[in-house]
PDB file of N, CA and C in Angstrom:
ATOM      1  N   MET A   1      77.485 146.379 218.631  1.00  0.00           N
ATOM      2  CA  MET A   1      76.591 146.689 217.319  1.00  0.00           C
ATOM      3  C   MET A   1      75.674 147.233 217.797  1.00  0.00           C
ATOM      4  N   PRO A   2      75.005 148.343 217.320  1.00  0.00           N
ATOM      5  CA  PRO A   2      73.741 148.798 217.901  1.00  0.00           C
ATOM      6  C   PRO A   2      72.584 148.225 217.765  1.00  0.00           C
ATOM      7  N   ASP A   3      71.499 148.137 217.919  1.00  0.00           N
ATOM      8  CA  ASP A   3      70.426 147.210 218.385  1.00  0.00           C
ATOM      9  C   ASP A   3      69.807 147.120 217.078  1.00  0.00           C
ATOM     10  N   PRO A   4      70.479 145.923 216.644  1.00  0.00           N
ATOM     11  CA  PRO A   4      69.150 145.961 214.904  1.00  0.00           C
ATOM     12  C   PRO A   4      68.140 146.005 214.465  1.00  0.00           C
ATOM     13  N   GLU A   5      67.166 146.214 215.319  1.00  0.00           N
ATOM     14  CA  GLU A   5      65.624 146.887 215.033  1.00  0.00           C
ATOM     15  C   GLU A   5      65.881 148.405 214.798  1.00  0.00           C
ATOM     16  N   ASN A   6      66.991 149.001 215.384  1.00  0.00           N
ATOM     17  CA  ASN A   6      67.097 150.656 215.259  1.00  0.00           C
ATOM     18  C   ASN A   6      67.207 150.453 214.136  1.00  0.00           C
ATOM     19  N   VAL A   7      68.651 149.593 213.770  1.00  0.00           N
ATOM     20  CA  VAL A   7      69.567 150.258 212.575  1.00  0.00           C
ATOM     21  C   VAL A   7      68.854 149.533 211.252  1.00  0.00           C
ATOM     22  N   VAL A   8      67.743 148.417 211.388  1.00  0.00           N
ATOM     23  CA  VAL A   8      66.978 148.671 210.417  1.00  0.00           C
ATOM     24  C   VAL A   8      65.861 149.575 209.764  1.00  0.00           C
ATOM     25  N   SER A   9      65.481 150.156 210.862  1.00  0.00           N
ATOM     26  CA  SER A   9      64.292 150.932 210.866  1.00  0.00           C
ATOM     27  C   SER A   9      64.646 152.578 210.751  1.00  0.00           C
ATOM     28  N   HIS A  10      66.174 152.353 210.973  1.00  0.00           N
ATOM     29  CA  HIS A  10      66.411 154.137 210.539  1.00  0.00           C
ATOM     30  C   HIS A  10      67.262 153.739 209.137  1.00  0.00           C
ATOM     31  N   PHE A  11      67.251 152.651 208.642  1.00  0.00           N
ATOM     32  CA  PHE A  11      68.379 152.657 207.188  1.00  0.00           C
ATOM     33  C   PHE A  11      67.192 152.574 206.193  1.00  0.00           C
ATOM     34  N   MET A  12      65.533 151.758 206.486  1.00  0.00           N
ATOM     35  CA  MET A  12      64.569 151.844 205.747  1.00  0.00           C
ATOM     36  C   MET A  12      64.117 152.989 205.446  1.00  0.00           C
ATOM     37  N   LYS A  13      64.291 154.028 206.527  1.00  0.00           N
ATOM     38  CA  LYS A  13      63.234 155.721 206.350  1.00  0.00           C
ATOM     39  C   LYS A  13      64.591 156.471 205.895  1.00  0.00           C
ATOM     40  N   LYS A  14      65.674 156.584 206.027  1.00  0.00           N
ATOM     41  CA  LYS A  14      66.564 157.248 205.561  1.00  0.00           C
ATOM     42  C   LYS A  14      66.806 157.085 203.708  1.00  0.00           C
ATOM     43  N   PHE A  15      66.853 155.593 203.714  1.00  0.00           N
ATOM     44  CA  PHE A  15      67.067 155.401 202.136  1.00  0.00           C
ATOM     45  C   PHE A  15      65.890 154.934 201.398  1.00  0.00           C
ATOM     46  N   GLU A  16      64.698 154.592 201.781  1.00  0.00           N
ATOM     47  CA  GLU A  16      63.659 154.436 201.154  1.00  0.00           C
ATOM     48  C   GLU A  16      63.865 153.328 199.927  1.00  0.00           C
ATOM     49  N   PRO A  17      64.739 152.110 200.608  1.00  0.00           N
ATOM     50  CA  PRO A  17      64.740 151.267 199.291  1.00  0.00           C
ATOM     51  C   PRO A  17      63.435 150.757 198.711  1.00  0.00           C
ATOM     52  N   GLU A  18      64.126 150.366 198.090  1.00  0.00           N
ATOM     53  CA  GLU A  18      62.453 149.159 196.977  1.00  0.00           C
ATOM     54  C   GLU A  18      62.641 147.830 197.565  1.00  0.00           C
ATOM     55  N   ARG A  19      64.054 147.494 198.431  1.00  0.00           N
ATOM     56  CA  ARG A  19      63.567 146.111 198.567  1.00  0.00           C
ATOM     57  C   ARG A  19      65.145 145.856 199.712  1.00  0.00           C
ATOM     58  N   THR A  20      64.750 145.376 200.980  1.00  0.00           N
ATOM     59  CA  THR A  20      66.257 145.346 201.679  1.00  0.00           C
ATOM     60  C   THR A  20      66.089 143.607 202.363  1.00  0.00           C
ATOM     61  N   ARG A  21      66.889 143.636 202.742  1.00  0.00           N
ATOM     62  CA  ARG A  21      67.171 141.907 202.914  1.00  0.00           C
ATOM     63  C   ARG A  21      68.404 141.936 204.482  1.00  0.00           C
ATOM     64  N   VAL A  22      67.943 141.454 205.145  1.00  0.00           N
ATOM     65  CA  VAL A  22      68.122 142.017 206.533  1.00  0.00           C
ATOM     66  C   VAL A  22      68.891 140.227 206.840  1.00  0.00           C
ATOM     67  N   LEU A  23      69.983 140.365 207.364  1.00  0.00           N
ATOM     68  CA  LEU A  23      70.424 138.682 207.630  1.00  0.00           C
ATOM     69  C   LEU A  23      71.199 139.180 209.040  1.00  0.00           C
ATOM     70  N   LEU A  24      70.984 138.003 210.002  1.00  0.00           N
ATOM     71  CA  LEU A  24      71.721 138.179 211.121  1.00  0.00           C
ATOM     72  C   LEU A  24      72.166 136.905 211.611  1.00  0.00           C
ATOM     73  N   LEU A  25      73.829 136.920 211.881  1.00  0.00           N
ATOM     74  CA  LEU A  25      73.729 135.536 212.447  1.00  0.00           C
ATOM     75  C   LEU A  25      72.818 135.249 213.997  1.00  0.00           C
ATOM     76  N   TYR A  26      72.060 134.205 213.712  1.00  0.00           N
ATOM     77  CA  TYR A  26      71.616 133.621 214.578  1.00  0.00           C
ATOM     78  C   TYR A  26      72.466 132.989 215.801  1.00  0.00           C
ATOM     79  N   ARG A  27      73.382 132.616 215.318  1.00  0.00           N
ATOM     80  CA  ARG A  27      74.434 131.781 216.194  1.00  0.00           C
ATOM     81  C   ARG A  27      75.412 132.327 215.072  1.00  0.00           C
ATOM     82  N   ASN A  28      76.667 132.505 216.127  1.00  0.00           N
ATOM     83  CA  ASN A  28      77.906 133.211 215.542  1.00  0.00           C
ATOM     84  C   ASN A  28      78.995 131.900 215.512  1.00  0.00           C
ATOM     85  N   TYR A  29      80.067 132.314 215.758  1.00  0.00           N
ATOM     86  CA  TYR A  29      81.264 131.386 214.974  1.00  0.00           C
ATOM     87  C   TYR A  29      81.648 131.070 216.788  1.00  0.00           C
ATOM     88  N   ASN A  30      80.806 131.591 218.107  1.00  0.00           N
ATOM     89  CA  ASN A  30      81.029 130.692 219.108  1.00  0.00           C
ATOM     90  C   ASN A  30      79.754 129.955 219.561  1.00  0.00           C
ATOM     91  N   GLY A  31      79.006 130.154 218.527  1.00  0.00           N
ATOM     92  CA  GLY A  31      77.512 129.300 219.117  1.00  0.00           C
ATOM     93  C   GLY A  31      76.274 130.290 219.597  1.00  0.00           C
ATOM     94  N   THR A  32      76.821 131.847 220.240  1.00  0.00           N
ATOM     95  CA  THR A  32      76.030 132.429 220.453  1.00  0.00           C
ATOM     96  C   THR A  32      74.955 132.618 220.135  1.00  0.00           C
ATOM     97  N   LEU A  33      73.624 132.475 220.643  1.00  0.00           N
ATOM     98  CA  LEU A  33      72.427 133.462 220.512  1.00  0.00           C
ATOM     99  C   LEU A  33      72.296 134.421 220.540  1.00  0.00           C
ATOM    100  N   ILE A  34      70.771 135.256 219.767  1.00  0.00           N
ATOM    101  CA  ILE A  34      70.686 136.430 219.798  1.00  0.00           C
ATOM    102  C   ILE A  34      69.209 136.006 220.338  1.00  0.00           C
ATOM    103  N   ASP A  35      68.872 136.723 221.353  1.00  0.00           N
ATOM    104  CA  ASP A  35      67.436 137.121 222.428  1.00  0.00           C
ATOM    105  C   ASP A  35      66.520 136.959 221.840  1.00  0.00           C
ATOM    106  N   SER A  36      65.561 135.419 221.686  1.00  0.00           N
ATOM    107  CA  SER A  36      64.662 135.873 220.783  1.00  0.00           C
ATOM    108  C   SER A  36      63.168 136.680 221.023  1.00  0.00           C
ATOM    109  N   SER A  37      63.540 137.778 221.943  1.00  0.00           N
ATOM    110  CA  SER A  37      62.753 138.898 222.032  1.00  0.00           C
ATOM    111  C   SER A  37      63.472 139.710 220.990  1.00  0.00           C
ATOM    112  N   VAL A  38      64.252 140.067 220.812  1.00  0.00           N
ATOM    113  CA  VAL A  38      64.770 140.707 219.643  1.00  0.00           C
ATOM    114  C   VAL A  38      64.453 140.116 218.663  1.00  0.00           C
ATOM    115  N   LEU A  39      64.852 139.033 218.051  1.00  0.00           N
ATOM    116  CA  LEU A  39      63.973 138.826 217.006  1.00  0.00           C
ATOM    117  C   LEU A  39      62.987 138.789 215.972  1.00  0.00           C
ATOM    118  N   THR A  40      61.831 138.588 217.194  1.00  0.00           N
ATOM    119  CA  THR A  40      60.574 139.025 216.903  1.00  0.00           C
ATOM    120  C   THR A  40      60.258 141.008 216.702  1.00  0.00           C
ATOM    121  N   ARG A  41      61.000 141.103 217.390  1.00  0.00           N
ATOM    122  CA  ARG A  41      60.673 142.992 217.701  1.00  0.00           C
ATOM    123  C   ARG A  41      61.098 143.236 216.188  1.00  0.00           C
ATOM    124  N   ILE A  42      62.054 142.896 215.831  1.00  0.00           N
ATOM    125  CA  ILE A  42      62.505 143.027 214.239  1.00  0.00           C
ATOM    126  C   ILE A  42      61.493 142.639 213.714  1.00  0.00           C
ATOM    127  N   GLN A  43      61.733 141.417 213.244  1.00  0.00           N
ATOM    128  CA  GLN A  43      60.543 140.438 212.374  1.00  0.00           C
ATOM    129  C   GLN A  43      59.183 141.264 212.130  1.00  0.00           C
ATOM    130  N   ASP A  44      58.393 141.528 213.463  1.00  0.00           N
ATOM    131  CA  ASP A  44      57.394 142.687 213.651  1.00  0.00           C
ATOM    132  C   ASP A  44      57.247 143.682 212.672  1.00  0.00           C
ATOM    133  N   GLY A  45      58.683 144.641 213.138  1.00  0.00           N
ATOM    134  CA  GLY A  45      58.321 145.843 212.462  1.00  0.00           C
ATOM    135  C   GLY A  45      59.199 145.902 211.463  1.00  0.00           C
ATOM    136  N   LEU A  46      58.926 144.521 210.388  1.00  0.00           N
ATOM    137  CA  LEU A  46      59.229 145.157 208.598  1.00  0.00           C
ATOM    138  C   LEU A  46      58.603 145.026 207.886  1.00  0.00           C
ATOM    139  N   ASP A  47      58.554 146.235 206.628  1.00  0.00           N
ATOM    140  CA  ASP A  47      57.444 145.976 206.139  1.00  0.00           C
ATOM    141  C   ASP A  47      57.265 144.959 204.826  1.00  0.00           C
ATOM    142  N   GLN A  48      56.591 145.025 204.027  1.00  0.00           N
ATOM    143  CA  GLN A  48      56.449 144.021 203.094  1.00  0.00           C
ATOM    144  C   GLN A  48      57.748 144.219 201.871  1.00  0.00           C
ATOM    145  N   THR A  49      58.276 145.288 202.308  1.00  0.00           N
ATOM    146  CA  THR A  49      59.761 144.772 201.108  1.00  0.00           C
ATOM    147  C   THR A  49      61.111 144.986 201.603  1.00  0.00           C
ATOM    148  N   CYS A  50      60.746 144.193 202.971  1.00  0.00           N
ATOM    149  CA  CYS A  50      62.017 143.853 203.806  1.00  0.00           C
ATOM    150  C   CYS A  50      61.930 142.130 203.929  1.00  0.00           C
ATOM    151  N   GLU A  51      63.229 141.295 203.387  1.00  0.00           N
ATOM    152  CA  GLU A  51      63.236 139.955 203.741  1.00  0.00           C
ATOM    153  C   GLU A  51      64.161 139.545 204.715  1.00  0.00           C
ATOM    154  N   PHE A  52      63.512 139.430 205.883  1.00  0.00           N
ATOM    155  CA  PHE A  52      64.530 138.579 207.298  1.00  0.00           C
ATOM    156  C   PHE A  52      65.051 137.443 207.366  1.00  0.00           C
ATOM    157  N   TYR A  53      66.469 137.158 207.547  1.00  0.00           N
ATOM    158  CA  TYR A  53      66.913 136.009 207.442  1.00  0.00           C
ATOM    159  C   TYR A  53      67.539 135.779 208.668  1.00  0.00           C
ATOM    160  N   LEU A  54      67.848 134.399 209.261  1.00  0.00           N
ATOM    161  CA  LEU A  54      68.841 134.550 209.923  1.00  0.00           C
ATOM    162  C   LEU A  54      70.013 133.247 209.537  1.00  0.00           C
ATOM    163  N   ILE A  55      71.391 133.613 209.947  1.00  0.00           N
ATOM    164  CA  ILE A  55      71.681 133.010 209.608  1.00  0.00           C
ATOM    165  C   ILE A  55      72.663 132.009 210.333  1.00  0.00           C
ATOM    166  N   ASP A  56      73.034 130.283 210.156  1.00  0.00           N
ATOM    167  CA  ASP A  56      73.835 130.392 211.412  1.00  0.00           C
ATOM    168  C   ASP A  56      75.862 130.683 211.166  1.00  0.00           C
ATOM    169  N   GLY A  57      76.192 131.117 211.795  1.00  0.00           N
ATOM    170  CA  GLY A  57      77.388 131.662 211.817  1.00  0.00           C
ATOM    171  C   GLY A  57      78.695 130.537 211.639  1.00  0.00           C
ATOM    172  N   ARG A  58      78.094 129.197 212.034  1.00  0.00           N
ATOM    173  CA  ARG A  58      79.324 128.647 212.769  1.00  0.00           C
ATOM    174  C   ARG A  58      79.075 127.407 210.993  1.00  0.00           C
ATOM    175  N   ARG A  59      78.025 128.172 209.993  1.00  0.00           N
ATOM    176  CA  ARG A  59      78.998 126.809 208.827  1.00  0.00           C
ATOM    177  C   ARG A  59      78.967 128.213 207.513  1.00  0.00           C
ATOM    178  N   ASP A  60      79.537 127.529 206.655  1.00  0.00           N
ATOM    179  CA  ASP A  60      79.589 128.325 205.086  1.00  0.00           C
ATOM    180  C   ASP A  60      78.004 128.332 205.033  1.00  0.00           C
ATOM    181  N   ASN A  61      77.784 129.640 204.480  1.00  0.00           N
ATOM    182  CA  ASN A  61      76.953 129.956 204.177  1.00  0.00           C
ATOM    183  C   ASN A  61      76.854 130.282 202.203  1.00  0.00           C
ATOM    184  N   GLY A  62      77.080 130.531 201.870  1.00  0.00           N
ATOM    185  CA  GLY A  62      77.466 130.588 200.334  1.00  0.00           C
ATOM    186  C   GLY A  62      77.154 131.585 199.903  1.00  0.00           C
ATOM    187  N   LEU A  63      75.950 131.174 198.909  1.00  0.00           N
ATOM    188  CA  LEU A  63      74.731 131.835 197.960  1.00  0.00           C
ATOM    189  C   LEU A  63      74.079 132.277 198.919  1.00  0.00           C
ATOM    190  N   LEU A  64      73.301 132.384 199.723  1.00  0.00           N
ATOM    191  CA  LEU A  64      72.051 133.012 200.489  1.00  0.00           C
ATOM    192  C   LEU A  64      72.744 134.718 199.959  1.00  0.00           C
ATOM    193  N   ILE A  65      73.326 135.252 200.701  1.00  0.00           N
ATOM    194  CA  ILE A  65      73.536 136.844 200.386  1.00  0.00           C
ATOM    195  C   ILE A  65      73.731 136.986 199.332  1.00  0.00           C
ATOM    196  N   ALA A  66      73.884 135.881 198.344  1.00  0.00           N
ATOM    197  CA  ALA A  66      73.928 136.360 196.906  1.00  0.00           C
ATOM    198  C   ALA A  66      72.810 137.247 196.194  1.00  0.00           C
ATOM    199  N   ASP A  67      72.897 137.940 195.082  1.00  0.00           N
ATOM    200  CA  ASP A  67      71.849 138.378 195.142  1.00  0.00           C
ATOM    201  C   ASP A  67      71.906 138.346 193.207  1.00  0.00           C
ATOM    202  N   PHE A  68      71.185 137.836 192.405  1.00  0.00           N
ATOM    203  CA  PHE A  68      71.472 137.339 191.266  1.00  0.00           C
ATOM    204  C   PHE A  68      70.193 138.468 190.327  1.00  0.00           C
ATOM    205  N   PHE A  69      70.429 138.866 189.417  1.00  0.00           N
ATOM    206  CA  PHE A  69      69.313 139.866 188.760  1.00  0.00           C
ATOM    207  C   PHE A  69      69.551 139.015 186.878  1.00  0.00           C
ATOM    208  N   ASP A  70      68.753 139.645 185.966  1.00  0.00           N
ATOM    209  CA  ASP A  70      68.629 139.285 185.023  1.00  0.00           C
ATOM    210  C   ASP A  70      67.750 140.567 184.200  1.00  0.00           C
ATOM    211  N   PHE A  71      68.452 141.006 184.018  1.00  0.00           N
ATOM    212  CA  PHE A  71      67.917 142.049 183.321  1.00  0.00           C
ATOM    213  C   PHE A  71      67.681 141.988 181.969  1.00  0.00           C
ATOM    214  N   THR A  72      67.548 140.736 180.741  1.00  0.00           N
ATOM    215  CA  THR A  72      67.118 140.544 179.998  1.00  0.00           C
ATOM    216  C   THR A  72      65.993 140.426 179.346  1.00  0.00           C
TER     217      THR A  72
END
């Protein structure tokens, strides 16, 4: 996978979304960790419209990635 920092930055510049949610597997199913310096750079580079989450890929995370809207 490309560098997560670049992916998020390019996505936000290209699409200018109202809100972005970034989800990274902090531990994948094998228990491998992402380098903490990468996490710090990503978090420092985000603006107020971007939410940043770390997911432990070894467990079921169900509704964390679900988004619910009430348009009433």
